[in-house]
Amino acid sequence: MQHNRRVAALVQVICLALLIFCLIERQVRRAVGPEQTMSGLYPDNRRVRPTGRMIFYHLGELTLRIGSITDPPTVRITCGAQLHLLDLLDTDIGQNRWPQPCN
């Protein structure tokens, strides 16, 4: 970084990313309800508070299948935790669901 404008722009991008990270975590925790714990985030299915890191870990494994003129694009959901998180985030996507366990 050789110019102050670039440093300022980088700081703004990092702040925006952190804001999005925190808002997603907040939305999931509010949607979970008063107990604020959910299962399926860890392999042993223990109930834990969802963190931004675990949310992005599970949603990072989503894959998009590109559509065509006759077939719309779909998101491949490979485990129930992904589907549950997308429901908690109130997203509406076309989806194919394969019953594979999360790792």
PDB file of N, CA and C in Angstrom:
ATOM      1  N   MET A   1       0.833  -1.169   0.000  1.00  0.00           N
ATOM      2  CA  MET A   1       0.000   0.000   0.000  1.00  0.00           C
ATOM      3  C   MET A   1       0.887   1.245   0.000  1.00  0.00           C
ATOM      4  N   GLN A   2       0.811   1.976  -1.083  1.00  0.00           N
ATOM      5  CA  GLN A   2       1.675   3.139  -1.210  1.00  0.00           C
ATOM      6  C   GLN A   2       0.937   4.464  -1.018  1.00  0.00           C
ATOM      7  N   HIS A   3      -0.411   4.398  -1.064  1.00  0.00           N
ATOM      8  CA  HIS A   3      -1.172   5.640  -0.951  1.00  0.00           C
ATOM      9  C   HIS A   3      -2.188   5.522   0.184  1.00  0.00           C
ATOM     10  N   ASN A   4      -2.418   6.629   0.842  1.00  0.00           N
ATOM     11  CA  ASN A   4      -3.369   6.653   1.952  1.00  0.00           C
ATOM     12  C   ASN A   4      -4.775   6.281   1.499  1.00  0.00           C
ATOM     13  N   ARG A   5      -5.152   6.629   0.281  1.00  0.00           N
ATOM     14  CA  ARG A   5      -6.494   6.289  -0.220  1.00  0.00           C
ATOM     15  C   ARG A   5      -6.678   4.779  -0.306  1.00  0.00           C
ATOM     16  N   ARG A   6      -5.642   4.082  -0.696  1.00  0.00           N
ATOM     17  CA  ARG A   6      -5.741   2.616  -0.790  1.00  0.00           C
ATOM     18  C   ARG A   6      -5.868   1.985   0.585  1.00  0.00           C
ATOM     19  N   VAL A   7      -5.132   2.501   1.541  1.00  0.00           N
ATOM     20  CA  VAL A   7      -5.237   1.998   2.914  1.00  0.00           C
ATOM     21  C   VAL A   7      -6.637   2.249   3.445  1.00  0.00           C
ATOM     22  N   ALA A   8      -7.167   3.436   3.226  1.00  0.00           N
ATOM     23  CA  ALA A   8      -8.518   3.763   3.681  1.00  0.00           C
ATOM     24  C   ALA A   8      -9.559   2.877   2.998  1.00  0.00           C
ATOM     25  N   ALA A   9      -9.374   2.616   1.722  1.00  0.00           N
ATOM     26  CA  ALA A   9     -10.315   1.746   1.009  1.00  0.00           C
ATOM     27  C   ALA A   9     -10.257   0.324   1.548  1.00  0.00           C
ATOM     28  N   LEU A  10      -9.065  -0.163   1.837  1.00  0.00           N
ATOM     29  CA  LEU A  10      -8.925  -1.507   2.397  1.00  0.00           C
ATOM     30  C   LEU A  10      -9.583  -1.600   3.768  1.00  0.00           C
ATOM     31  N   VAL A  11      -9.416  -0.587   4.588  1.00  0.00           N
ATOM     32  CA  VAL A  11     -10.057  -0.569   5.905  1.00  0.00           C
ATOM     33  C   VAL A  11     -11.570  -0.566   5.754  1.00  0.00           C
ATOM     34  N   GLN A  12     -12.093   0.175   4.797  1.00  0.00           N
ATOM     35  CA  GLN A  12     -13.541   0.187   4.567  1.00  0.00           C
ATOM     36  C   GLN A  12     -14.055  -1.181   4.122  1.00  0.00           C
ATOM     37  N   VAL A  13     -13.319  -1.845   3.247  1.00  0.00           N
ATOM     38  CA  VAL A  13     -13.730  -3.181   2.790  1.00  0.00           C
ATOM     39  C   VAL A  13     -13.720  -4.163   3.954  1.00  0.00           C
ATOM     40  N   ILE A  14     -12.695  -4.099   4.787  1.00  0.00           N
ATOM     41  CA  ILE A  14     -12.616  -4.998   5.942  1.00  0.00           C
ATOM     42  C   ILE A  14     -13.759  -4.717   6.914  1.00  0.00           C
ATOM     43  N   CYS A  15     -14.066  -3.455   7.152  1.00  0.00           N
ATOM     44  CA  CYS A  15     -15.179  -3.103   8.041  1.00  0.00           C
ATOM     45  C   CYS A  15     -16.510  -3.581   7.477  1.00  0.00           C
ATOM     46  N   LEU A  16     -16.698  -3.463   6.185  1.00  0.00           N
ATOM     47  CA  LEU A  16     -17.931  -3.942   5.557  1.00  0.00           C
ATOM     48  C   LEU A  16     -18.055  -5.462   5.671  1.00  0.00           C
ATOM     49  N   ALA A  17     -16.957  -6.171   5.463  1.00  0.00           N
ATOM     50  CA  ALA A  17     -16.973  -7.630   5.596  1.00  0.00           C
ATOM     51  C   ALA A  17     -17.288  -8.048   7.031  1.00  0.00           C
ATOM     52  N   LEU A  18     -16.710  -7.365   7.998  1.00  0.00           N
ATOM     53  CA  LEU A  18     -16.976  -7.664   9.403  1.00  0.00           C
ATOM     54  C   LEU A  18     -18.425  -7.363   9.768  1.00  0.00           C
ATOM     55  N   LEU A  19     -18.973  -6.292   9.229  1.00  0.00           N
ATOM     56  CA  LEU A  19     -20.367  -5.947   9.468  1.00  0.00           C
ATOM     57  C   LEU A  19     -21.291  -7.035   8.921  1.00  0.00           C
ATOM     58  N   ILE A  20     -21.043  -7.491   7.712  1.00  0.00           N
ATOM     59  CA  ILE A  20     -21.859  -8.559   7.119  1.00  0.00           C
ATOM     60  C   ILE A  20     -21.739  -9.829   7.946  1.00  0.00           C
ATOM     61  N   PHE A  21     -20.523 -10.179   8.362  1.00  0.00           N
ATOM     62  CA  PHE A  21     -20.276 -11.346   9.193  1.00  0.00           C
ATOM     63  C   PHE A  21     -21.111 -11.285  10.474  1.00  0.00           C
ATOM     64  N   CYS A  22     -21.079 -10.144  11.158  1.00  0.00           N
ATOM     65  CA  CYS A  22     -21.809  -9.975  12.423  1.00  0.00           C
ATOM     66  C   CYS A  22     -23.324  -9.975  12.211  1.00  0.00           C
ATOM     67  N   LEU A  23     -23.793  -9.358  11.131  1.00  0.00           N
ATOM     68  CA  LEU A  23     -25.236  -9.329  10.872  1.00  0.00           C
ATOM     69  C   LEU A  23     -25.778 -10.718  10.563  1.00  0.00           C
ATOM     70  N   ILE A  24     -25.016 -11.519   9.843  1.00  0.00           N
ATOM     71  CA  ILE A  24     -25.465 -12.887   9.565  1.00  0.00           C
ATOM     72  C   ILE A  24     -25.512 -13.700  10.851  1.00  0.00           C
ATOM     73  N   GLU A  25     -24.488 -13.584  11.685  1.00  0.00           N
ATOM     74  CA  GLU A  25     -24.505 -14.291  12.967  1.00  0.00           C
ATOM     75  C   GLU A  25     -25.697 -13.849  13.817  1.00  0.00           C
ATOM     76  N   ARG A  26     -25.957 -12.561  13.861  1.00  0.00           N
ATOM     77  CA  ARG A  26     -27.079 -12.020  14.642  1.00  0.00           C
ATOM     78  C   ARG A  26     -28.418 -12.530  14.119  1.00  0.00           C
ATOM     79  N   GLN A  27     -28.584 -12.543  12.797  1.00  0.00           N
ATOM     80  CA  GLN A  27     -29.834 -13.023  12.202  1.00  0.00           C
ATOM     81  C   GLN A  27     -30.089 -14.480  12.543  1.00  0.00           C
ATOM     82  N   VAL A  28     -29.066 -15.311  12.452  1.00  0.00           N
ATOM     83  CA  VAL A  28     -29.240 -16.731  12.771  1.00  0.00           C
ATOM     84  C   VAL A  28     -29.557 -16.906  14.247  1.00  0.00           C
ATOM     85  N   ARG A  29     -28.863 -16.206  15.116  1.00  0.00           N
ATOM     86  CA  ARG A  29     -29.126 -16.340  16.558  1.00  0.00           C
ATOM     87  C   ARG A  29     -30.530 -15.868  16.921  1.00  0.00           C
ATOM     88  N   ARG A  30     -30.993 -14.803  16.298  1.00  0.00           N
ATOM     89  CA  ARG A  30     -32.366 -14.347  16.557  1.00  0.00           C
ATOM     90  C   ARG A  30     -33.384 -15.346  16.034  1.00  0.00           C
ATOM     91  N   ALA A  31     -33.123 -15.915  14.875  1.00  0.00           N
ATOM     92  CA  ALA A  31     -34.076 -16.850  14.290  1.00  0.00           C
ATOM     93  C   ALA A  31     -34.121 -18.173  15.038  1.00  0.00           C
ATOM     94  N   VAL A  32     -33.030 -18.550  15.679  1.00  0.00           N
ATOM     95  CA  VAL A  32     -33.009 -19.795  16.451  1.00  0.00           C
ATOM     96  C   VAL A  32     -33.970 -19.700  17.621  1.00  0.00           C
ATOM     97  N   GLY A  33     -34.094 -18.528  18.201  1.00  0.00           N
ATOM     98  CA  GLY A  33     -35.049 -18.350  19.284  1.00  0.00           C
ATOM     99  C   GLY A  33     -34.386 -18.165  20.627  1.00  0.00           C
ATOM    100  N   PRO A  34     -35.185 -18.232  21.675  1.00  0.00           N
ATOM    101  CA  PRO A  34     -34.673 -17.914  23.004  1.00  0.00           C
ATOM    102  C   PRO A  34     -33.585 -18.861  23.508  1.00  0.00           C
ATOM    103  N   GLU A  35     -33.631 -20.126  23.107  1.00  0.00           N
ATOM    104  CA  GLU A  35     -32.588 -21.034  23.601  1.00  0.00           C
ATOM    105  C   GLU A  35     -31.252 -20.753  22.940  1.00  0.00           C
ATOM    106  N   GLN A  36     -31.249 -20.166  21.734  1.00  0.00           N
ATOM    107  CA  GLN A  36     -30.065 -19.752  20.994  1.00  0.00           C
ATOM    108  C   GLN A  36     -29.040 -20.852  20.796  1.00  0.00           C
ATOM    109  N   THR A  37     -29.476 -22.089  20.752  1.00  0.00           N
ATOM    110  CA  THR A  37     -28.567 -23.182  20.423  1.00  0.00           C
ATOM    111  C   THR A  37     -29.202 -24.024  19.326  1.00  0.00           C
ATOM    112  N   MET A  38     -28.353 -24.674  18.555  1.00  0.00           N
ATOM    113  CA  MET A  38     -28.850 -25.562  17.516  1.00  0.00           C
ATOM    114  C   MET A  38     -27.877 -26.722  17.365  1.00  0.00           C
ATOM    115  N   SER A  39     -28.380 -27.814  16.857  1.00  0.00           N
ATOM    116  CA  SER A  39     -27.525 -28.977  16.620  1.00  0.00           C
ATOM    117  C   SER A  39     -27.209 -29.054  15.135  1.00  0.00           C
ATOM    118  N   GLY A  40     -26.240 -29.880  14.800  1.00  0.00           N
ATOM    119  CA  GLY A  40     -25.873 -30.090  13.410  1.00  0.00           C
ATOM    120  C   GLY A  40     -24.669 -29.297  12.950  1.00  0.00           C
ATOM    121  N   LEU A  41     -24.137 -28.434  13.800  1.00  0.00           N
ATOM    122  CA  LEU A  41     -22.968 -27.654  13.403  1.00  0.00           C
ATOM    123  C   LEU A  41     -21.670 -28.430  13.602  1.00  0.00           C
ATOM    124  N   TYR A  42     -21.672 -29.380  14.513  1.00  0.00           N
ATOM    125  CA  TYR A  42     -20.509 -30.222  14.771  1.00  0.00           C
ATOM    126  C   TYR A  42     -20.870 -31.671  14.466  1.00  0.00           C
ATOM    127  N   PRO A  43     -19.889 -32.505  14.165  1.00  0.00           N
ATOM    128  CA  PRO A  43     -20.187 -33.908  13.815  1.00  0.00           C
ATOM    129  C   PRO A  43     -20.908 -34.688  14.903  1.00  0.00           C
ATOM    130  N   ASP A  44     -20.720 -34.341  16.170  1.00  0.00           N
ATOM    131  CA  ASP A  44     -21.379 -35.094  17.242  1.00  0.00           C
ATOM    132  C   ASP A  44     -22.784 -34.577  17.552  1.00  0.00           C
ATOM    133  N   ASN A  45     -23.278 -33.613  16.778  1.00  0.00           N
ATOM    134  CA  ASN A  45     -24.635 -33.065  16.910  1.00  0.00           C
ATOM    135  C   ASN A  45     -24.938 -32.449  18.271  1.00  0.00           C
ATOM    136  N   ARG A  46     -23.920 -31.988  18.982  1.00  0.00           N
ATOM    137  CA  ARG A  46     -24.190 -31.313  20.258  1.00  0.00           C
ATOM    138  C   ARG A  46     -24.830 -29.957  19.978  1.00  0.00           C
ATOM    139  N   ARG A  47     -25.597 -29.474  20.927  1.00  0.00           N
ATOM    140  CA  ARG A  47     -26.284 -28.183  20.785  1.00  0.00           C
ATOM    141  C   ARG A  47     -25.333 -27.074  21.208  1.00  0.00           C
ATOM    142  N   VAL A  48     -25.098 -26.140  20.296  1.00  0.00           N
ATOM    143  CA  VAL A  48     -24.213 -25.017  20.566  1.00  0.00           C
ATOM    144  C   VAL A  48     -24.822 -23.740  20.002  1.00  0.00           C
ATOM    145  N   ARG A  49     -24.323 -22.609  20.465  1.00  0.00           N
ATOM    146  CA  ARG A  49     -24.728 -21.326  19.879  1.00  0.00           C
ATOM    147  C   ARG A  49     -24.062 -21.201  18.516  1.00  0.00           C
ATOM    148  N   PRO A  50     -24.827 -20.845  17.498  1.00  0.00           N
ATOM    149  CA  PRO A  50     -24.209 -20.692  16.176  1.00  0.00           C
ATOM    150  C   PRO A  50     -23.295 -19.464  16.147  1.00  0.00           C
ATOM    151  N   THR A  51     -22.103 -19.655  15.644  1.00  0.00           N
ATOM    152  CA  THR A  51     -21.160 -18.552  15.494  1.00  0.00           C
ATOM    153  C   THR A  51     -21.034 -18.220  14.007  1.00  0.00           C
ATOM    154  N   GLY A  52     -20.567 -17.032  13.727  1.00  0.00           N
ATOM    155  CA  GLY A  52     -20.367 -16.633  12.339  1.00  0.00           C
ATOM    156  C   GLY A  52     -19.414 -17.556  11.622  1.00  0.00           C
ATOM    157  N   ARG A  53     -18.385 -17.999  12.327  1.00  0.00           N
ATOM    158  CA  ARG A  53     -17.403 -18.896  11.721  1.00  0.00           C
ATOM    159  C   ARG A  53     -18.043 -20.225  11.305  1.00  0.00           C
ATOM    160  N   MET A  54     -18.857 -20.802  12.177  1.00  0.00           N
ATOM    161  CA  MET A  54     -19.500 -22.080  11.845  1.00  0.00           C
ATOM    162  C   MET A  54     -20.558 -21.903  10.755  1.00  0.00           C
ATOM    163  N   ILE A  55     -21.250 -20.786  10.767  1.00  0.00           N
ATOM    164  CA  ILE A  55     -22.254 -20.516   9.732  1.00  0.00           C
ATOM    165  C   ILE A  55     -21.577 -20.458   8.366  1.00  0.00           C
ATOM    166  N   PHE A  56     -20.511 -19.679   8.261  1.00  0.00           N
ATOM    167  CA  PHE A  56     -19.813 -19.563   6.987  1.00  0.00           C
ATOM    168  C   PHE A  56     -19.103 -20.851   6.601  1.00  0.00           C
ATOM    169  N   TYR A  57     -18.668 -21.627   7.592  1.00  0.00           N
ATOM    170  CA  TYR A  57     -18.045 -22.922   7.288  1.00  0.00           C
ATOM    171  C   TYR A  57     -19.037 -23.818   6.560  1.00  0.00           C
ATOM    172  N   HIS A  58     -20.247 -23.927   7.081  1.00  0.00           N
ATOM    173  CA  HIS A  58     -21.248 -24.793   6.464  1.00  0.00           C
ATOM    174  C   HIS A  58     -21.773 -24.221   5.156  1.00  0.00           C
ATOM    175  N   LEU A  59     -21.995 -22.928   5.112  1.00  0.00           N
ATOM    176  CA  LEU A  59     -22.509 -22.333   3.881  1.00  0.00           C
ATOM    177  C   LEU A  59     -21.428 -22.239   2.810  1.00  0.00           C
ATOM    178  N   GLY A  60     -20.168 -22.309   3.198  1.00  0.00           N
ATOM    179  CA  GLY A  60     -19.071 -22.286   2.232  1.00  0.00           C
ATOM    180  C   GLY A  60     -19.002 -23.528   1.374  1.00  0.00           C
ATOM    181  N   GLU A  61     -19.661 -24.593   1.795  1.00  0.00           N
ATOM    182  CA  GLU A  61     -19.662 -25.841   1.030  1.00  0.00           C
ATOM    183  C   GLU A  61     -20.814 -25.925   0.039  1.00  0.00           C
ATOM    184  N   LEU A  62     -21.649 -24.898  -0.035  1.00  0.00           N
ATOM    185  CA  LEU A  62     -22.731 -24.875  -1.017  1.00  0.00           C
ATOM    186  C   LEU A  62     -22.143 -24.747  -2.409  1.00  0.00           C
ATOM    187  N   THR A  63     -22.770 -25.406  -3.369  1.00  0.00           N
ATOM    188  CA  THR A  63     -22.334 -25.264  -4.749  1.00  0.00           C
ATOM    189  C   THR A  63     -23.512 -24.863  -5.613  1.00  0.00           C
ATOM    190  N   LEU A  64     -23.241 -24.041  -6.585  1.00  0.00           N
ATOM    191  CA  LEU A  64     -24.263 -23.571  -7.508  1.00  0.00           C
ATOM    192  C   LEU A  64     -24.143 -24.347  -8.801  1.00  0.00           C
ATOM    193  N   ARG A  65     -25.258 -24.944  -9.216  1.00  0.00           N
ATOM    194  CA  ARG A  65     -25.298 -25.617 -10.513  1.00  0.00           C
ATOM    195  C   ARG A  65     -25.875 -24.626 -11.501  1.00  0.00           C
ATOM    196  N   ILE A  66     -25.080 -24.300 -12.501  1.00  0.00           N
ATOM    197  CA  ILE A  66     -25.493 -23.327 -13.504  1.00  0.00           C
ATOM    198  C   ILE A  66     -26.650 -23.906 -14.307  1.00  0.00           C
ATOM    199  N   GLY A  67     -27.632 -23.092 -14.543  1.00  0.00           N
ATOM    200  CA  GLY A  67     -28.802 -23.527 -15.292  1.00  0.00           C
ATOM    201  C   GLY A  67     -28.656 -23.295 -16.781  1.00  0.00           C
ATOM    202  N   SER A  68     -29.717 -23.600 -17.474  1.00  0.00           N
ATOM    203  CA  SER A  68     -29.770 -23.370 -18.914  1.00  0.00           C
ATOM    204  C   SER A  68     -31.089 -22.656 -19.216  1.00  0.00           C
ATOM    205  N   ILE A  69     -31.428 -22.577 -20.463  1.00  0.00           N
ATOM    206  CA  ILE A  69     -32.659 -21.898 -20.850  1.00  0.00           C
ATOM    207  C   ILE A  69     -33.880 -22.610 -20.276  1.00  0.00           C
ATOM    208  N   THR A  70     -33.851 -23.925 -20.262  1.00  0.00           N
ATOM    209  CA  THR A  70     -35.012 -24.685 -19.791  1.00  0.00           C
ATOM    210  C   THR A  70     -34.903 -25.108 -18.330  1.00  0.00           C
ATOM    211  N   ASP A  71     -33.709 -25.072 -17.757  1.00  0.00           N
ATOM    212  CA  ASP A  71     -33.486 -25.554 -16.398  1.00  0.00           C
ATOM    213  C   ASP A  71     -32.895 -24.416 -15.557  1.00  0.00           C
ATOM    214  N   PRO A  72     -33.580 -23.951 -14.515  1.00  0.00           N
ATOM    215  CA  PRO A  72     -33.053 -22.833 -13.726  1.00  0.00           C
ATOM    216  C   PRO A  72     -31.844 -23.267 -12.899  1.00  0.00           C
ATOM    217  N   PRO A  73     -31.009 -22.320 -12.503  1.00  0.00           N
ATOM    218  CA  PRO A  73     -29.876 -22.669 -11.640  1.00  0.00           C
ATOM    219  C   PRO A  73     -30.372 -23.110 -10.274  1.00  0.00           C
ATOM    220  N   THR A  74     -29.651 -24.027  -9.669  1.00  0.00           N
ATOM    221  CA  THR A  74     -30.021 -24.519  -8.337  1.00  0.00           C
ATOM    222  C   THR A  74     -28.792 -24.560  -7.447  1.00  0.00           C
ATOM    223  N   VAL A  75     -29.038 -24.522  -6.164  1.00  0.00           N
ATOM    224  CA  VAL A  75     -27.979 -24.628  -5.172  1.00  0.00           C
ATOM    225  C   VAL A  75     -28.006 -26.041  -4.620  1.00  0.00           C
ATOM    226  N   ARG A  76     -26.860 -26.694  -4.640  1.00  0.00           N
ATOM    227  CA  ARG A  76     -26.760 -28.064  -4.120  1.00  0.00           C
ATOM    228  C   ARG A  76     -26.523 -28.012  -2.625  1.00  0.00           C
ATOM    229  N   ILE A  77     -27.477 -28.552  -1.889  1.00  0.00           N
ATOM    230  CA  ILE A  77     -27.390 -28.609  -0.429  1.00  0.00           C
ATOM    231  C   ILE A  77     -27.058 -30.037  -0.053  1.00  0.00           C
ATOM    232  N   THR A  78     -25.922 -30.225   0.617  1.00  0.00           N
ATOM    233  CA  THR A  78     -25.447 -31.576   0.887  1.00  0.00           C
ATOM    234  C   THR A  78     -25.725 -32.056   2.300  1.00  0.00           C
ATOM    235  N   CYS A  79     -26.220 -31.198   3.184  1.00  0.00           N
ATOM    236  CA  CYS A  79     -26.529 -31.669   4.538  1.00  0.00           C
ATOM    237  C   CYS A  79     -27.610 -30.794   5.154  1.00  0.00           C
ATOM    238  N   GLY A  80     -28.220 -31.306   6.183  1.00  0.00           N
ATOM    239  CA  GLY A  80     -29.335 -30.632   6.826  1.00  0.00           C
ATOM    240  C   GLY A  80     -28.965 -29.325   7.498  1.00  0.00           C
ATOM    241  N   ALA A  81     -27.724 -29.197   7.965  1.00  0.00           N
ATOM    242  CA  ALA A  81     -27.314 -27.952   8.623  1.00  0.00           C
ATOM    243  C   ALA A  81     -27.343 -26.791   7.637  1.00  0.00           C
ATOM    244  N   GLN A  82     -26.947 -27.041   6.410  1.00  0.00           N
ATOM    245  CA  GLN A  82     -26.992 -25.980   5.395  1.00  0.00           C
ATOM    246  C   GLN A  82     -28.427 -25.540   5.143  1.00  0.00           C
ATOM    247  N   LEU A  83     -29.315 -26.497   4.997  1.00  0.00           N
ATOM    248  CA  LEU A  83     -30.719 -26.178   4.752  1.00  0.00           C
ATOM    249  C   LEU A  83     -31.310 -25.418   5.931  1.00  0.00           C
ATOM    250  N   HIS A  84     -31.001 -25.854   7.137  1.00  0.00           N
ATOM    251  CA  HIS A  84     -31.520 -25.186   8.332  1.00  0.00           C
ATOM    252  C   HIS A  84     -30.982 -23.749   8.429  1.00  0.00           C
ATOM    253  N   LEU A  85     -29.699 -23.553   8.153  1.00  0.00           N
ATOM    254  CA  LEU A  85     -29.124 -22.205   8.200  1.00  0.00           C
ATOM    255  C   LEU A  85     -29.745 -21.304   7.146  1.00  0.00           C
ATOM    256  N   LEU A  86     -29.977 -21.824   5.947  1.00  0.00           N
ATOM    257  CA  LEU A  86     -30.611 -21.017   4.902  1.00  0.00           C
ATOM    258  C   LEU A  86     -32.039 -20.657   5.283  1.00  0.00           C
ATOM    259  N   ASP A  87     -32.734 -21.573   5.946  1.00  0.00           N
ATOM    260  CA  ASP A  87     -34.080 -21.262   6.437  1.00  0.00           C
ATOM    261  C   ASP A  87     -34.026 -20.184   7.518  1.00  0.00           C
ATOM    262  N   LEU A  88     -33.065 -20.277   8.427  1.00  0.00           N
ATOM    263  CA  LEU A  88     -32.933 -19.284   9.488  1.00  0.00           C
ATOM    264  C   LEU A  88     -32.582 -17.908   8.925  1.00  0.00           C
ATOM    265  N   LEU A  89     -31.838 -17.889   7.822  1.00  0.00           N
ATOM    266  CA  LEU A  89     -31.484 -16.622   7.178  1.00  0.00           C
ATOM    267  C   LEU A  89     -32.586 -16.126   6.254  1.00  0.00           C
ATOM    268  N   ASP A  90     -33.678 -16.874   6.178  1.00  0.00           N
ATOM    269  CA  ASP A  90     -34.848 -16.499   5.393  1.00  0.00           C
ATOM    270  C   ASP A  90     -34.505 -16.298   3.916  1.00  0.00           C
ATOM    271  N   THR A  91     -33.739 -17.250   3.376  1.00  0.00           N
ATOM    272  CA  THR A  91     -33.389 -17.198   1.967  1.00  0.00           C
ATOM    273  C   THR A  91     -34.333 -18.085   1.177  1.00  0.00           C
ATOM    274  N   ASP A  92     -34.611 -17.685  -0.035  1.00  0.00           N
ATOM    275  CA  ASP A  92     -35.492 -18.445  -0.913  1.00  0.00           C
ATOM    276  C   ASP A  92     -34.700 -18.794  -2.162  1.00  0.00           C
ATOM    277  N   ILE A  93     -34.272 -20.039  -2.240  1.00  0.00           N
ATOM    278  CA  ILE A  93     -33.472 -20.465  -3.381  1.00  0.00           C
ATOM    279  C   ILE A  93     -34.060 -21.728  -3.968  1.00  0.00           C
ATOM    280  N   GLY A  94     -33.856 -21.927  -5.260  1.00  0.00           N
ATOM    281  CA  GLY A  94     -34.178 -23.216  -5.861  1.00  0.00           C
ATOM    282  C   GLY A  94     -33.126 -24.191  -5.394  1.00  0.00           C
ATOM    283  N   GLN A  95     -33.528 -25.377  -4.958  1.00  0.00           N
ATOM    284  CA  GLN A  95     -32.548 -26.251  -4.331  1.00  0.00           C
ATOM    285  C   GLN A  95     -32.773 -27.717  -4.664  1.00  0.00           C
ATOM    286  N   ASN A  96     -31.685 -28.440  -4.769  1.00  0.00           N
ATOM    287  CA  ASN A  96     -31.680 -29.892  -4.799  1.00  0.00           C
ATOM    288  C   ASN A  96     -31.002 -30.326  -3.522  1.00  0.00           C
ATOM    289  N   ARG A  97     -31.564 -31.270  -2.860  1.00  0.00           N
ATOM    290  CA  ARG A  97     -31.018 -31.688  -1.574  1.00  0.00           C
ATOM    291  C   ARG A  97     -30.583 -33.133  -1.659  1.00  0.00           C
ATOM    292  N   TRP A  98     -29.298 -33.381  -1.364  1.00  0.00           N
ATOM    293  CA  TRP A  98     -28.780 -34.731  -1.313  1.00  0.00           C
ATOM    294  C   TRP A  98     -28.613 -35.121   0.149  1.00  0.00           C
ATOM    295  N   PRO A  99     -29.080 -36.275   0.553  1.00  0.00           N
ATOM    296  CA  PRO A  99     -29.008 -36.660   1.972  1.00  0.00           C
ATOM    297  C   PRO A  99     -27.630 -37.188   2.370  1.00  0.00           C
ATOM    298  N   GLN A 100     -26.615 -36.339   2.293  1.00  0.00           N
ATOM    299  CA  GLN A 100     -25.281 -36.732   2.719  1.00  0.00           C
ATOM    300  C   GLN A 100     -24.985 -36.078   4.059  1.00  0.00           C
ATOM    301  N   PRO A 101     -24.288 -36.760   4.949  1.00  0.00           N
ATOM    302  CA  PRO A 101     -23.979 -36.153   6.240  1.00  0.00           C
ATOM    303  C   PRO A 101     -22.932 -35.072   6.116  1.00  0.00           C
ATOM    304  N   CYS A 102     -22.991 -34.097   7.012  1.00  0.00           N
ATOM    305  CA  CYS A 102     -21.979 -33.027   7.043  1.00  0.00           C
ATOM    306  C   CYS A 102     -20.709 -33.568   7.670  1.00  0.00           C
ATOM    307  N   ASN A 103     -19.593 -33.040   7.254  1.00  0.00           N
ATOM    308  CA  ASN A 103     -18.307 -33.407   7.868  1.00  0.00           C
ATOM    309  C   ASN A 103     -17.880 -32.345   8.827  1.00  0.00           C
TER     310      ASN A 103
END
